[in-house]
Amino acid sequence: MAGINIFLKDEKGVTAIEYALIAAGIAIAIFVVVWGVGQKLSSAFQLVADCFSVSGS
C-alpha cells in the first residue's frame, strides 16, 4: 500500500511528459514555418522560371 502512495506522489514521469509535449509543439511549429517558407520559395522560383520561358520563346 505504501508503494502505491509513493508511485502516485512521484512527479518525475509527469515532468518528462510535459517536456515531451513542449518539444513536440516546438517541432510542429518549426515544421509549419519551414513548410510555409518552402511554398513561398517554390512560387518565387516558378515565377522566375515562367519569366525565362516566356522571354525565350
Protein backbone atom coordinates (compact mmCIF):
# COMPACT_ATOMS: atom_id res chain seq x y z
CA MET A 1 0.00 0.00 0.00
CA ALA A 2 2.85 2.39 0.79
CA GLY A 3 4.38 1.63 -2.61
CA ILE A 4 1.20 2.76 -4.35
CA ASN A 5 1.17 6.04 -2.44
CA ILE A 6 4.81 6.67 -3.34
CA PHE A 7 4.04 5.90 -7.00
CA LEU A 8 1.05 8.26 -7.06
CA LYS A 9 3.04 11.11 -5.47
CA ASP A 10 6.04 10.70 -7.79
CA GLU A 11 6.00 13.51 -10.37
CA LYS A 12 9.16 12.65 -12.33
CA GLY A 13 7.22 10.98 -15.12
CA VAL A 14 4.78 13.89 -15.34
CA THR A 15 7.65 16.32 -15.85
CA ALA A 16 9.10 14.16 -18.61
CA ILE A 17 5.73 14.04 -20.35
CA GLU A 18 5.38 17.82 -20.08
CA TYR A 19 8.82 18.30 -21.65
CA ALA A 20 7.93 15.84 -24.41
CA LEU A 21 4.73 17.76 -25.17
CA ILE A 22 6.63 21.06 -25.28
CA ALA A 23 9.25 19.53 -27.61
CA ALA A 24 6.50 18.14 -29.86
CA GLY A 25 4.81 21.54 -30.01
CA ILE A 26 8.05 23.25 -30.95
CA ALA A 27 8.75 20.62 -33.62
CA ILE A 28 5.29 21.12 -35.13
CA ALA A 29 5.77 24.91 -35.14
CA ILE A 30 9.15 24.58 -36.88
CA PHE A 31 7.65 22.21 -39.47
CA VAL A 32 4.79 24.62 -40.24
CA VAL A 33 7.15 27.59 -40.64
CA VAL A 34 9.60 25.67 -42.85
CA TRP A 35 6.74 24.31 -44.98
CA GLY A 36 5.27 27.81 -45.42
CA VAL A 37 8.63 29.29 -46.41
CA GLY A 38 9.18 26.40 -48.81
CA GLN A 39 5.86 27.06 -50.51
CA LYS A 40 6.72 30.76 -50.94
CA LEU A 41 10.16 29.92 -52.33
CA SER A 42 8.64 27.42 -54.72
CA SER A 43 6.23 30.04 -56.07
CA ALA A 44 9.04 32.58 -56.38
CA PHE A 45 11.23 30.17 -58.34
CA GLN A 46 8.27 29.21 -60.53
CA LEU A 47 7.65 32.89 -61.29
CA VAL A 48 11.29 33.34 -62.31
CA ALA A 49 11.17 30.19 -64.44
CA ASP A 50 7.98 31.40 -66.14
CA CYS A 51 9.65 34.74 -66.94
CA PHE A 52 12.57 32.95 -68.62
CA SER A 53 10.35 30.61 -70.60
CA VAL A 54 8.20 33.48 -71.94
CA SER A 55 11.17 35.61 -72.96
CA GLY A 56 12.96 32.64 -74.55
CA SER A 57 10.05 31.76 -76.86
